[in-house]
Protein backbone atom coordinates (compact mmCIF):
# COMPACT_ATOMS: atom_id res chain seq x y z
CA MET A 1 -48.43 7.91 -96.94
CA ALA A 2 -47.20 4.52 -95.77
CA SER A 3 -44.34 4.45 -93.33
CA LYS A 4 -41.27 2.45 -94.31
CA THR A 5 -39.67 0.42 -91.59
CA LYS A 6 -36.34 -1.36 -91.36
CA ASP A 7 -35.62 -4.46 -89.35
CA LEU A 8 -32.84 -3.35 -87.01
CA ARG A 9 -32.18 -6.83 -85.67
CA SER A 10 -29.76 -7.49 -88.53
CA ALA A 11 -27.93 -4.24 -87.76
CA THR A 12 -27.66 -5.26 -84.11
CA GLU A 13 -26.34 -8.69 -85.12
CA ASP A 14 -23.73 -7.07 -87.39
CA ILE A 15 -22.61 -4.73 -84.60
CA GLU A 16 -22.18 -7.72 -82.29
CA ARG A 17 -20.17 -9.59 -84.95
CA VAL A 18 -17.69 -6.71 -85.24
CA LYS A 19 -17.44 -6.40 -81.45
CA LYS A 20 -16.81 -10.15 -81.06
CA LEU A 21 -14.14 -10.09 -83.78
CA ALA A 22 -12.38 -7.13 -82.13
CA TYR A 23 -12.42 -8.96 -78.79
CA LYS A 24 -11.60 -12.52 -79.84
CA GLN A 25 -8.93 -11.76 -82.44
CA PHE A 26 -7.43 -8.52 -81.21
CA GLY A 27 -8.19 -8.31 -77.48
CA PHE A 28 -10.34 -5.15 -77.38
CA ARG A 29 -13.06 -5.07 -74.74
CA GLU A 30 -16.41 -5.32 -76.52
CA TYR A 31 -17.95 -2.39 -74.64
CA LEU A 32 -15.19 -0.08 -75.97
CA VAL A 33 -15.66 -1.07 -79.64
CA ASN A 34 -17.70 1.28 -81.83
CA PRO A 35 -18.29 -0.45 -85.21
CA ILE A 36 -18.23 1.85 -88.25
CA GLU A 37 -18.58 -0.49 -91.23
CA MET A 38 -18.14 -4.11 -92.23
CA ASP A 39 -18.20 -6.51 -95.14
CA ALA A 40 -21.75 -7.70 -95.78
CA THR A 41 -20.89 -11.32 -95.02
CA ASP A 42 -17.73 -11.47 -92.92
CA PRO A 43 -16.26 -8.74 -90.69
CA SER A 44 -12.82 -10.42 -90.74
CA ARG A 45 -12.62 -9.72 -94.50
CA HIS A 46 -13.22 -6.01 -93.98
CA CYS A 47 -14.38 -3.81 -91.14
CA LEU A 48 -13.67 -0.49 -89.49
CA PHE A 49 -14.18 0.19 -85.81
CA GLU A 50 -13.15 2.77 -83.27
CA VAL A 51 -11.78 2.21 -79.78
CA MET A 52 -11.18 5.21 -77.53
CA GLY A 53 -10.79 7.63 -80.43
CA VAL A 54 -8.53 5.42 -82.56
CA THR A 55 -9.91 3.94 -85.79
CA TYR A 56 -8.83 0.43 -86.72
CA LYS A 57 -9.18 -1.27 -90.10
CA VAL A 58 -9.33 -5.04 -90.57
CA GLU A 59 -8.52 -6.43 -94.02
CA ASP A 60 -8.37 -10.20 -94.56
CA GLY A 61 -7.80 -10.81 -90.85
CA SER A 62 -4.99 -8.24 -90.45
CA ILE A 63 -5.47 -5.13 -88.37
CA SER A 64 -4.01 -1.65 -88.90
CA VAL A 65 -4.53 1.80 -87.47
CA GLU A 66 -6.22 4.29 -89.77
CA PRO A 67 -4.61 7.74 -89.89
CA ALA A 68 -6.50 10.44 -88.02
CA GLU A 69 -8.47 12.84 -90.16
CA ASP A 70 -7.61 16.50 -89.70
């Protein structure tokens, strides 16, 4: 059975794009940003990330805090 592999370089690049957005536009330190999801082409259009237990949502360049899940 052949093993399927995935090129993780693109995932690493996407993670860095979210971290840079969080830092440059919103002032979060990159090492504190934990990316959750992002738009396939542009993280400023849509992304979710967590910083110190708080989840933030970016939609069209605007940031908001996501309510905590119980």
